[in-house]
N, C-alpha and C. Protein backbone atom coordinates (compact mmCIF):
# COMPACT_ATOMS: atom_id res chain seq x y z
N MET A 1 121.99 82.20 47.72
CA MET A 1 120.98 82.72 48.64
C MET A 1 120.81 84.23 48.46
N LYS A 2 119.57 84.67 48.29
CA LYS A 2 119.31 86.10 48.10
C LYS A 2 119.55 86.87 49.41
N GLN A 3 120.14 88.03 49.28
CA GLN A 3 120.36 88.88 50.43
C GLN A 3 119.10 89.73 50.66
N ILE A 4 118.40 89.48 51.74
CA ILE A 4 117.15 90.18 52.04
C ILE A 4 117.42 91.32 53.01
N ASP A 5 116.88 92.50 52.70
CA ASP A 5 117.03 93.62 53.64
C ASP A 5 115.70 94.28 53.99
N THR A 6 114.59 93.79 53.40
CA THR A 6 113.28 94.40 53.65
C THR A 6 112.21 93.32 53.79
N ILE A 7 111.35 93.50 54.78
CA ILE A 7 110.19 92.62 54.96
C ILE A 7 108.93 93.48 54.85
N ILE A 8 108.02 93.06 53.97
CA ILE A 8 106.76 93.79 53.76
C ILE A 8 105.61 92.90 54.24
N PHE A 9 104.87 93.36 55.22
CA PHE A 9 103.76 92.60 55.78
C PHE A 9 102.42 93.09 55.24
N ASP A 10 101.57 92.15 54.89
CA ASP A 10 100.13 92.43 54.80
C ASP A 10 99.63 92.51 56.24
N LEU A 11 98.45 93.05 56.45
CA LEU A 11 97.92 93.18 57.82
C LEU A 11 96.75 92.23 58.08
N GLY A 12 95.61 92.42 57.40
CA GLY A 12 94.45 91.58 57.64
C GLY A 12 94.70 90.13 57.26
N GLY A 13 94.51 89.22 58.19
CA GLY A 13 94.74 87.81 57.94
C GLY A 13 96.15 87.36 58.22
N VAL A 14 97.05 88.32 58.45
CA VAL A 14 98.45 88.01 58.77
C VAL A 14 98.79 88.47 60.18
N LEU A 15 98.48 89.72 60.48
CA LEU A 15 98.73 90.28 61.82
C LEU A 15 97.44 90.59 62.57
N ILE A 16 96.35 90.78 61.83
CA ILE A 16 95.08 91.14 62.44
C ILE A 16 93.99 90.22 61.93
N ASP A 17 93.21 89.70 62.84
CA ASP A 17 92.10 88.81 62.49
C ASP A 17 90.85 89.65 62.21
N TRP A 18 90.55 89.83 60.92
CA TRP A 18 89.33 90.54 60.52
C TRP A 18 88.42 89.57 59.80
N ASN A 19 87.15 89.53 60.20
CA ASN A 19 86.25 88.57 59.57
C ASN A 19 84.80 89.02 59.73
N PRO A 20 84.08 89.25 58.61
CA PRO A 20 82.67 89.67 58.72
C PRO A 20 81.78 88.60 59.34
N GLU A 21 82.26 87.38 59.41
CA GLU A 21 81.47 86.33 60.06
C GLU A 21 81.20 86.65 61.52
N TYR A 22 82.07 87.42 62.15
CA TYR A 22 81.88 87.76 63.56
C TYR A 22 80.56 88.49 63.78
N VAL A 23 80.08 89.18 62.76
CA VAL A 23 78.78 89.86 62.84
C VAL A 23 77.68 88.98 62.24
N TYR A 24 77.93 88.49 61.04
CA TYR A 24 76.83 87.89 60.27
C TYR A 24 76.46 86.47 60.68
N LEU A 25 77.35 85.76 61.33
CA LEU A 25 76.97 84.42 61.78
C LEU A 25 75.87 84.52 62.84
N ASP A 26 75.99 85.54 63.66
CA ASP A 26 74.95 85.79 64.67
C ASP A 26 73.68 86.34 64.01
N VAL A 27 73.87 87.25 63.05
CA VAL A 27 72.73 87.85 62.34
C VAL A 27 71.88 86.78 61.66
N PHE A 28 72.54 85.78 61.09
CA PHE A 28 71.83 84.71 60.39
C PHE A 28 71.59 83.49 61.29
N ASN A 29 71.64 83.73 62.61
CA ASN A 29 71.31 82.70 63.60
C ASN A 29 72.10 81.40 63.41
N GLY A 30 73.37 81.58 63.05
CA GLY A 30 74.25 80.42 62.92
C GLY A 30 74.09 79.66 61.61
N ASP A 31 73.25 80.14 60.71
CA ASP A 31 73.03 79.46 59.44
C ASP A 31 74.12 79.88 58.44
N ARG A 32 75.14 79.04 58.33
CA ARG A 32 76.28 79.37 57.47
C ARG A 32 75.89 79.43 55.99
N GLU A 33 74.94 78.62 55.60
CA GLU A 33 74.52 78.60 54.20
C GLU A 33 73.90 79.94 53.80
N LYS A 34 73.02 80.47 54.65
CA LYS A 34 72.40 81.77 54.37
C LYS A 34 73.44 82.88 54.39
N MET A 35 74.35 82.81 55.36
CA MET A 35 75.39 83.82 55.47
C MET A 35 76.27 83.82 54.23
N GLN A 36 76.66 82.64 53.75
CA GLN A 36 77.52 82.55 52.59
C GLN A 36 76.81 83.04 51.33
N TRP A 37 75.52 82.77 51.25
CA TRP A 37 74.74 83.28 50.11
C TRP A 37 74.78 84.81 50.10
N PHE A 38 74.65 85.41 51.26
CA PHE A 38 74.69 86.86 51.38
C PHE A 38 76.05 87.41 50.93
N PHE A 39 77.13 86.75 51.34
CA PHE A 39 78.47 87.18 50.95
C PHE A 39 78.73 86.94 49.46
N ASP A 40 78.13 85.92 48.91
CA ASP A 40 78.35 85.59 47.49
C ASP A 40 77.53 86.47 46.55
N ASN A 41 76.41 87.02 47.06
CA ASN A 41 75.48 87.71 46.18
C ASN A 41 75.18 89.16 46.53
N ILE A 42 75.31 89.54 47.78
CA ILE A 42 74.92 90.90 48.19
C ILE A 42 76.16 91.72 48.59
N CYS A 43 76.68 91.51 49.76
CA CYS A 43 77.92 92.20 50.19
C CYS A 43 79.10 91.29 49.86
N THR A 44 79.50 91.35 48.60
CA THR A 44 80.51 90.42 48.10
C THR A 44 81.93 90.88 48.41
N HIS A 45 82.86 89.95 48.25
CA HIS A 45 84.28 90.27 48.44
C HIS A 45 84.72 91.37 47.47
N ASP A 46 84.30 91.26 46.22
CA ASP A 46 84.68 92.27 45.22
C ASP A 46 84.13 93.65 45.57
N TRP A 47 82.91 93.66 46.07
CA TRP A 47 82.29 94.93 46.48
C TRP A 47 83.09 95.58 47.60
N ASN A 48 83.46 94.80 48.60
CA ASN A 48 84.24 95.34 49.71
C ASN A 48 85.61 95.81 49.25
N GLU A 49 86.22 95.07 48.32
CA GLU A 49 87.54 95.46 47.83
C GLU A 49 87.50 96.81 47.11
N ASN A 50 86.37 97.14 46.53
CA ASN A 50 86.24 98.44 45.88
C ASN A 50 86.41 99.57 46.90
N GLN A 51 85.89 99.35 48.10
CA GLN A 51 86.06 100.33 49.18
C GLN A 51 87.51 100.36 49.68
N ASP A 52 88.16 99.20 49.61
CA ASP A 52 89.59 99.15 49.97
C ASP A 52 90.42 100.04 49.04
N ALA A 53 89.91 100.27 47.84
CA ALA A 53 90.62 101.12 46.88
C ALA A 53 90.19 102.58 46.98
N GLY A 54 89.47 102.93 48.04
CA GLY A 54 89.18 104.33 48.30
C GLY A 54 87.75 104.79 48.04
N TYR A 55 86.88 103.87 47.59
CA TYR A 55 85.50 104.27 47.32
C TYR A 55 84.80 104.57 48.66
N PRO A 56 84.01 105.63 48.75
CA PRO A 56 83.39 106.03 50.02
C PRO A 56 82.43 104.95 50.56
N LEU A 57 82.56 104.65 51.84
CA LEU A 57 81.73 103.61 52.45
C LEU A 57 80.25 103.97 52.39
N ALA A 58 79.91 105.21 52.68
CA ALA A 58 78.50 105.61 52.69
C ALA A 58 77.89 105.51 51.30
N LYS A 59 78.62 105.93 50.30
CA LYS A 59 78.13 105.87 48.92
C LYS A 59 77.96 104.42 48.48
N ALA A 60 78.94 103.59 48.81
CA ALA A 60 78.86 102.17 48.46
C ALA A 60 77.66 101.51 49.11
N THR A 61 77.40 101.88 50.35
CA THR A 61 76.27 101.31 51.08
C THR A 61 74.95 101.70 50.43
N GLU A 62 74.79 102.99 50.13
CA GLU A 62 73.53 103.46 49.53
C GLU A 62 73.30 102.82 48.17
N GLU A 63 74.35 102.67 47.39
CA GLU A 63 74.21 102.05 46.07
C GLU A 63 73.80 100.58 46.19
N ARG A 64 74.35 99.91 47.18
CA ARG A 64 74.00 98.50 47.35
C ARG A 64 72.57 98.35 47.86
N VAL A 65 72.15 99.25 48.74
CA VAL A 65 70.76 99.25 49.22
C VAL A 65 69.80 99.48 48.06
N ALA A 66 70.16 100.39 47.16
CA ALA A 66 69.31 100.67 46.00
C ALA A 66 69.17 99.44 45.10
N LEU A 67 70.24 98.65 45.01
CA LEU A 67 70.21 97.44 44.19
C LEU A 67 69.42 96.32 44.85
N PHE A 68 69.56 96.22 46.17
CA PHE A 68 68.94 95.11 46.91
C PHE A 68 68.16 95.65 48.12
N PRO A 69 67.08 96.41 47.88
CA PRO A 69 66.36 97.05 49.00
C PRO A 69 65.80 96.07 50.02
N GLU A 70 65.51 94.86 49.58
CA GLU A 70 64.97 93.86 50.51
C GLU A 70 66.01 93.41 51.53
N HIS A 71 67.29 93.72 51.28
CA HIS A 71 68.37 93.33 52.21
C HIS A 71 68.98 94.55 52.91
N GLU A 72 68.21 95.64 52.94
CA GLU A 72 68.76 96.90 53.44
C GLU A 72 69.38 96.78 54.83
N ASP A 73 68.67 96.18 55.76
CA ASP A 73 69.18 96.11 57.13
C ASP A 73 70.52 95.38 57.19
N HIS A 74 70.61 94.28 56.48
CA HIS A 74 71.85 93.49 56.50
C HIS A 74 72.99 94.21 55.78
N ILE A 75 72.67 94.94 54.74
CA ILE A 75 73.70 95.70 54.01
C ILE A 75 74.27 96.80 54.91
N ARG A 76 73.40 97.51 55.60
CA ARG A 76 73.86 98.62 56.45
C ARG A 76 74.73 98.13 57.61
N MET A 77 74.54 96.90 57.99
CA MET A 77 75.35 96.34 59.07
C MET A 77 76.82 96.19 58.66
N TYR A 78 77.09 96.05 57.36
CA TYR A 78 78.44 95.70 56.92
C TYR A 78 79.45 96.76 57.39
N TYR A 79 79.15 98.00 57.16
CA TYR A 79 80.05 99.04 57.65
C TYR A 79 79.55 99.67 58.95
N GLY A 80 78.25 99.56 59.19
CA GLY A 80 77.70 100.08 60.44
C GLY A 80 78.22 99.33 61.66
N ARG A 81 78.50 98.03 61.48
CA ARG A 81 79.02 97.22 62.59
C ARG A 81 80.42 96.70 62.27
N TRP A 82 81.13 97.42 61.42
CA TRP A 82 82.45 96.99 60.97
C TRP A 82 83.40 96.74 62.14
N VAL A 83 83.32 97.59 63.14
CA VAL A 83 84.26 97.47 64.26
C VAL A 83 84.13 96.11 64.96
N GLU A 84 82.94 95.50 64.89
CA GLU A 84 82.73 94.19 65.50
C GLU A 84 83.36 93.07 64.68
N MET A 85 83.71 93.36 63.42
CA MET A 85 84.37 92.37 62.56
C MET A 85 85.87 92.35 62.81
N LEU A 86 86.36 93.34 63.52
CA LEU A 86 87.78 93.46 63.79
C LEU A 86 88.12 92.63 65.02
N GLY A 87 88.78 91.50 64.77
CA GLY A 87 89.11 90.59 65.87
C GLY A 87 90.40 90.98 66.57
N ASP A 88 91.05 89.99 67.14
CA ASP A 88 92.27 90.24 67.90
C ASP A 88 93.50 90.22 67.00
N ALA A 89 94.62 90.60 67.57
CA ALA A 89 95.89 90.44 66.89
C ALA A 89 96.20 88.95 66.76
N ILE A 90 96.92 88.59 65.70
CA ILE A 90 97.41 87.22 65.54
C ILE A 90 98.77 87.19 66.24
N ASP A 91 98.74 86.77 67.50
CA ASP A 91 99.88 86.98 68.41
C ASP A 91 101.19 86.39 67.90
N GLY A 92 101.11 85.20 67.30
CA GLY A 92 102.34 84.56 66.81
C GLY A 92 103.04 85.41 65.77
N THR A 93 102.27 86.02 64.88
CA THR A 93 102.86 86.88 63.85
C THR A 93 103.37 88.19 64.44
N VAL A 94 102.66 88.70 65.44
CA VAL A 94 103.12 89.93 66.10
C VAL A 94 104.49 89.71 66.74
N LYS A 95 104.69 88.52 67.31
CA LYS A 95 106.00 88.21 67.92
C LYS A 95 107.10 88.16 66.86
N ILE A 96 106.77 87.60 65.69
CA ILE A 96 107.73 87.58 64.58
C ILE A 96 108.05 89.01 64.14
N LEU A 97 107.02 89.82 64.00
CA LEU A 97 107.20 91.23 63.63
C LEU A 97 108.12 91.92 64.64
N GLU A 98 107.87 91.70 65.91
CA GLU A 98 108.66 92.35 66.96
C GLU A 98 110.14 91.97 66.85
N GLN A 99 110.39 90.69 66.60
CA GLN A 99 111.77 90.23 66.47
C GLN A 99 112.45 90.86 65.26
N LEU A 100 111.73 90.96 64.16
CA LEU A 100 112.31 91.56 62.95
C LEU A 100 112.60 93.04 63.15
N VAL A 101 111.68 93.74 63.80
CA VAL A 101 111.87 95.17 64.05
C VAL A 101 113.05 95.40 64.98
N ASN A 102 113.14 94.58 66.04
CA ASN A 102 114.22 94.73 67.02
C ASN A 102 115.57 94.31 66.46
N ASN A 103 115.55 93.47 65.43
CA ASN A 103 116.78 92.98 64.82
C ASN A 103 117.63 94.11 64.22
N LYS A 104 116.94 95.12 63.71
CA LYS A 104 117.58 96.31 63.11
C LYS A 104 118.27 96.03 61.77
N GLU A 105 118.33 94.77 61.36
CA GLU A 105 118.96 94.46 60.07
C GLU A 105 118.01 94.70 58.89
N TYR A 106 116.71 94.75 59.21
CA TYR A 106 115.72 94.78 58.14
C TYR A 106 114.86 96.05 58.20
N LYS A 107 114.53 96.54 57.03
CA LYS A 107 113.50 97.56 56.90
C LYS A 107 112.17 96.81 56.96
N VAL A 108 111.27 97.22 57.82
CA VAL A 108 110.00 96.50 57.99
C VAL A 108 108.84 97.47 57.74
N VAL A 109 108.08 97.20 56.67
CA VAL A 109 106.96 98.06 56.30
C VAL A 109 105.71 97.20 56.09
N ALA A 110 104.59 97.85 55.87
CA ALA A 110 103.33 97.13 55.63
C ALA A 110 102.66 97.64 54.37
N LEU A 111 101.96 96.72 53.72
CA LEU A 111 101.17 97.04 52.52
C LEU A 111 99.82 96.35 52.68
N THR A 112 98.77 97.14 52.84
CA THR A 112 97.47 96.56 53.18
C THR A 112 96.35 97.06 52.28
N ASN A 113 95.44 96.16 51.95
CA ASN A 113 94.17 96.54 51.35
C ASN A 113 93.22 96.89 52.48
N TRP A 114 92.92 98.18 52.63
CA TRP A 114 92.12 98.61 53.78
C TRP A 114 91.51 99.97 53.45
N SER A 115 90.26 100.14 53.79
CA SER A 115 89.61 101.44 53.60
C SER A 115 90.29 102.50 54.47
N HIS A 116 90.54 103.66 53.86
CA HIS A 116 91.14 104.75 54.63
C HIS A 116 90.19 105.27 55.71
N GLU A 117 88.91 104.94 55.58
CA GLU A 117 87.93 105.41 56.58
C GLU A 117 87.95 104.56 57.84
N THR A 118 88.28 103.30 57.72
CA THR A 118 88.27 102.42 58.89
C THR A 118 89.66 102.15 59.45
N PHE A 119 90.70 102.42 58.66
CA PHE A 119 92.05 102.11 59.13
C PHE A 119 92.42 102.84 60.42
N PRO A 120 91.99 104.08 60.65
CA PRO A 120 92.32 104.74 61.92
C PRO A 120 91.85 103.96 63.15
N ILE A 121 90.78 103.19 63.01
CA ILE A 121 90.30 102.37 64.14
C ILE A 121 91.35 101.32 64.49
N ALA A 122 91.90 100.68 63.47
CA ALA A 122 92.95 99.69 63.70
C ALA A 122 94.21 100.33 64.29
N LEU A 123 94.57 101.50 63.78
CA LEU A 123 95.75 102.21 64.30
C LEU A 123 95.63 102.50 65.78
N GLU A 124 94.41 102.82 66.19
CA GLU A 124 94.19 103.14 67.60
C GLU A 124 94.19 101.88 68.46
N ARG A 125 93.71 100.79 67.90
CA ARG A 125 93.56 99.56 68.69
C ARG A 125 94.86 98.77 68.82
N PHE A 126 95.66 98.74 67.77
CA PHE A 126 96.83 97.85 67.75
C PHE A 126 98.14 98.65 67.80
N GLU A 127 98.80 98.59 68.94
CA GLU A 127 100.04 99.32 69.14
C GLU A 127 101.12 98.92 68.14
N PHE A 128 101.15 97.63 67.77
CA PHE A 128 102.22 97.15 66.89
C PHE A 128 102.18 97.79 65.49
N LEU A 129 101.05 98.38 65.10
CA LEU A 129 101.00 99.06 63.80
C LEU A 129 101.93 100.27 63.77
N HIS A 130 102.32 100.74 64.93
CA HIS A 130 103.21 101.90 65.01
C HIS A 130 104.69 101.49 65.00
N TRP A 131 104.95 100.19 64.91
CA TRP A 131 106.34 99.71 64.85
C TRP A 131 106.91 99.80 63.44
N PHE A 132 106.06 99.84 62.44
CA PHE A 132 106.52 99.83 61.05
C PHE A 132 107.22 101.14 60.68
N GLU A 133 108.17 101.01 59.75
CA GLU A 133 108.80 102.22 59.21
C GLU A 133 107.77 103.03 58.41
N GLY A 134 106.80 102.35 57.87
CA GLY A 134 105.71 103.01 57.17
C GLY A 134 104.67 101.99 56.74
N ILE A 135 103.45 102.46 56.45
CA ILE A 135 102.37 101.59 56.01
C ILE A 135 101.72 102.20 54.78
N VAL A 136 101.61 101.40 53.72
CA VAL A 136 100.88 101.82 52.53
C VAL A 136 99.46 101.28 52.64
N VAL A 137 98.48 102.17 52.74
CA VAL A 137 97.08 101.81 52.89
C VAL A 137 96.38 102.04 51.55
N SER A 138 95.82 100.98 51.00
CA SER A 138 95.24 101.05 49.65
C SER A 138 94.20 102.15 49.51
N GLY A 139 93.33 102.30 50.50
CA GLY A 139 92.27 103.30 50.41
C GLY A 139 92.81 104.72 50.29
N THR A 140 93.92 104.97 50.95
CA THR A 140 94.56 106.28 50.87
C THR A 140 95.17 106.51 49.49
N GLU A 141 95.68 105.43 48.89
CA GLU A 141 96.37 105.53 47.61
C GLU A 141 95.42 105.42 46.42
N GLN A 142 94.15 105.09 46.68
CA GLN A 142 93.15 104.96 45.62
C GLN A 142 93.46 103.82 44.63
N THR A 143 94.13 102.82 45.11
CA THR A 143 94.39 101.60 44.36
C THR A 143 94.60 100.48 45.37
N ARG A 144 94.79 99.26 44.89
CA ARG A 144 94.90 98.15 45.84
C ARG A 144 95.66 96.99 45.20
N LYS A 145 96.05 96.04 46.07
CA LYS A 145 96.57 94.78 45.58
C LYS A 145 95.44 94.04 44.87
N PRO A 146 95.66 93.36 43.77
CA PRO A 146 96.96 92.97 43.22
C PRO A 146 97.45 93.87 42.08
N PHE A 147 96.98 95.12 42.00
CA PHE A 147 97.40 95.98 40.90
C PHE A 147 98.87 96.40 41.04
N ARG A 148 99.56 96.34 39.94
CA ARG A 148 101.01 96.56 39.92
C ARG A 148 101.41 97.89 40.56
N GLU A 149 100.60 98.92 40.34
CA GLU A 149 101.00 100.26 40.78
C GLU A 149 101.19 100.37 42.28
N ILE A 150 100.44 99.59 43.08
CA ILE A 150 100.59 99.74 44.53
C ILE A 150 101.88 99.09 45.02
N TYR A 151 102.32 98.05 44.34
CA TYR A 151 103.61 97.44 44.69
C TYR A 151 104.75 98.39 44.31
N GLU A 152 104.66 98.96 43.13
CA GLU A 152 105.70 99.89 42.68
C GLU A 152 105.75 101.13 43.57
N LEU A 153 104.58 101.60 43.99
CA LEU A 153 104.52 102.74 44.90
C LEU A 153 105.23 102.41 46.21
N THR A 154 105.01 101.20 46.72
CA THR A 154 105.64 100.78 47.98
C THR A 154 107.15 100.73 47.83
N LEU A 155 107.62 100.13 46.74
CA LEU A 155 109.06 100.05 46.50
C LEU A 155 109.68 101.44 46.42
N ASN A 156 109.04 102.33 45.69
CA ASN A 156 109.59 103.68 45.50
C ASN A 156 109.54 104.51 46.77
N ARG A 157 108.45 104.41 47.49
CA ARG A 157 108.28 105.24 48.70
C ARG A 157 109.33 104.92 49.76
N PHE A 158 109.67 103.65 49.88
CA PHE A 158 110.59 103.25 50.94
C PHE A 158 111.97 102.84 50.41
N ASN A 159 112.22 103.18 49.14
CA ASN A 159 113.53 102.91 48.54
C ASN A 159 113.92 101.44 48.69
N ILE A 160 113.03 100.56 48.23
CA ILE A 160 113.21 99.11 48.36
C ILE A 160 113.59 98.52 47.00
N GLN A 161 114.56 97.64 47.00
CA GLN A 161 114.89 96.86 45.82
C GLN A 161 114.07 95.58 45.85
N ALA A 162 113.29 95.35 44.81
CA ALA A 162 112.34 94.23 44.79
C ALA A 162 112.99 92.91 45.14
N GLU A 163 114.15 92.63 44.55
CA GLU A 163 114.79 91.32 44.74
C GLU A 163 115.34 91.12 46.15
N LYS A 164 115.43 92.21 46.91
CA LYS A 164 115.93 92.12 48.29
C LYS A 164 114.81 92.18 49.31
N ALA A 165 113.56 92.10 48.84
CA ALA A 165 112.39 92.21 49.72
C ALA A 165 111.59 90.91 49.74
N ILE A 166 110.96 90.66 50.88
CA ILE A 166 110.00 89.57 51.03
C ILE A 166 108.65 90.18 51.35
N PHE A 167 107.62 89.75 50.63
CA PHE A 167 106.25 90.20 50.87
C PHE A 167 105.46 89.03 51.46
N ILE A 168 104.81 89.26 52.59
CA ILE A 168 104.04 88.23 53.31
C ILE A 168 102.57 88.58 53.21
N ASP A 169 101.75 87.69 52.64
CA ASP A 169 100.32 87.94 52.46
C ASP A 169 99.58 86.62 52.53
N ASP A 170 98.36 86.66 53.04
CA ASP A 170 97.56 85.42 53.13
C ASP A 170 96.80 85.13 51.84
N ASN A 171 96.83 86.06 50.89
CA ASN A 171 96.14 85.89 49.62
C ASN A 171 97.16 85.58 48.52
N LEU A 172 97.09 84.37 47.98
CA LEU A 172 98.06 83.93 46.99
C LEU A 172 98.03 84.82 45.74
N ARG A 173 96.86 85.34 45.41
CA ARG A 173 96.75 86.27 44.27
C ARG A 173 97.69 87.45 44.44
N ASN A 174 97.75 87.98 45.65
CA ASN A 174 98.60 89.14 45.92
C ASN A 174 100.08 88.78 45.90
N ILE A 175 100.40 87.57 46.34
CA ILE A 175 101.78 87.09 46.29
C ILE A 175 102.23 86.95 44.83
N ASN A 176 101.38 86.36 44.02
CA ASN A 176 101.72 86.17 42.60
C ASN A 176 101.98 87.50 41.91
N ALA A 177 101.17 88.50 42.26
CA ALA A 177 101.35 89.83 41.65
C ALA A 177 102.68 90.45 42.08
N ALA A 178 103.05 90.24 43.33
CA ALA A 178 104.34 90.75 43.82
C ALA A 178 105.49 90.05 43.11
N ASN A 179 105.36 88.74 42.92
CA ASN A 179 106.40 87.96 42.22
C ASN A 179 106.63 88.48 40.81
N GLU A 180 105.56 88.94 40.17
CA GLU A 180 105.66 89.40 38.79
C GLU A 180 106.58 90.62 38.63
N ILE A 181 106.75 91.38 39.69
CA ILE A 181 107.66 92.53 39.59
C ILE A 181 108.95 92.27 40.37
N GLY A 182 109.19 91.01 40.70
CA GLY A 182 110.48 90.63 41.27
C GLY A 182 110.57 90.58 42.78
N ILE A 183 109.45 90.81 43.46
CA ILE A 183 109.45 90.73 44.93
C ILE A 183 109.29 89.27 45.35
N ASN A 184 110.11 88.81 46.28
CA ASN A 184 109.97 87.47 46.83
C ASN A 184 108.70 87.40 47.68
N GLY A 185 108.02 86.27 47.67
CA GLY A 185 106.76 86.17 48.39
C GLY A 185 106.70 84.97 49.33
N ILE A 186 106.01 85.16 50.43
CA ILE A 186 105.67 84.05 51.33
C ILE A 186 104.15 84.06 51.50
N HIS A 187 103.52 82.96 51.11
CA HIS A 187 102.07 82.82 51.29
C HIS A 187 101.80 82.45 52.73
N PHE A 188 101.22 83.37 53.48
CA PHE A 188 101.00 83.17 54.92
C PHE A 188 99.90 82.15 55.18
N LYS A 189 100.20 81.20 56.04
CA LYS A 189 99.20 80.21 56.48
C LYS A 189 99.00 80.28 57.99
N ASN A 190 100.10 80.37 58.71
CA ASN A 190 100.07 80.53 60.17
C ASN A 190 101.46 80.97 60.62
N PRO A 191 101.60 81.46 61.85
CA PRO A 191 102.90 81.97 62.29
C PRO A 191 104.02 80.93 62.24
N GLU A 192 103.71 79.69 62.57
CA GLU A 192 104.73 78.65 62.57
C GLU A 192 105.26 78.40 61.16
N HIS A 193 104.35 78.34 60.21
CA HIS A 193 104.75 78.17 58.80
C HIS A 193 105.57 79.36 58.33
N LEU A 194 105.20 80.56 58.75
CA LEU A 194 105.94 81.76 58.36
C LEU A 194 107.38 81.68 58.85
N LYS A 195 107.58 81.26 60.09
CA LYS A 195 108.94 81.15 60.64
C LYS A 195 109.77 80.18 59.81
N GLU A 196 109.16 79.07 59.42
CA GLU A 196 109.87 78.08 58.61
C GLU A 196 110.22 78.64 57.24
N GLN A 197 109.29 79.39 56.65
CA GLN A 197 109.54 79.98 55.33
C GLN A 197 110.64 81.04 55.39
N LEU A 198 110.68 81.81 56.48
CA LEU A 198 111.71 82.83 56.63
C LEU A 198 113.10 82.19 56.71
N LYS A 199 113.17 80.99 57.26
CA LYS A 199 114.46 80.29 57.36
C LYS A 199 115.05 80.00 55.99
N THR A 200 114.19 79.83 54.99
CA THR A 200 114.68 79.56 53.63
C THR A 200 115.41 80.78 53.06
N TYR A 201 115.23 81.92 53.70
CA TYR A 201 115.95 83.14 53.31
C TYR A 201 117.04 83.47 54.34
N SER A 202 117.39 82.47 55.15
CA SER A 202 118.39 82.63 56.22
C SER A 202 117.99 83.65 57.27
N ILE A 203 116.69 83.75 57.49
CA ILE A 203 116.17 84.60 58.57
C ILE A 203 115.70 83.68 59.67
N ASN A 204 116.49 83.54 60.71
CA ASN A 204 116.19 82.60 61.80
C ASN A 204 115.76 83.39 63.03
N LEU A 205 114.55 83.11 63.49
CA LEU A 205 114.00 83.86 64.63
C LEU A 205 113.84 82.93 65.84
């Protein structure tokens, strides 16, 4: 059994419910097909991830408007109404985080793909973000998951040994990238599943 001394949490989709559908489902009058087309072709996941790596939101917006002027209003909503996409805390995971932090046996940090321009909003809204020993924010570092450098930066910044750490993320791509440099991974599905997976590392909450 591996001796674990560090837990690394992703934030969006693990501890915080963020979803652009909260804005666009209403914008498209409940038409999921039209909304999905917009996400697949205009304000895409890859486009948003570029901003997670530090690209300026205003510049990204203007460039996208120039490419798709007929969708200008909907494009401007993406970051103009971003705060409405920020849902509630995922309470079950927050309780797990609290137990791990209070346990004192583990170093508990976060590694998130998040724009440095919008992350302060989350910091202000969610008290539990201040429980971490530290948070690596991709936008601040000008890189993002799944690139190797952000994992290595996290390990070095907090003096973490990869084989003694568990990384929790809802994106399997990011877990696989962590595994490649020796970090143990748990693919997050829900808080109950997370608790069961932690038990496999002798972490009983």
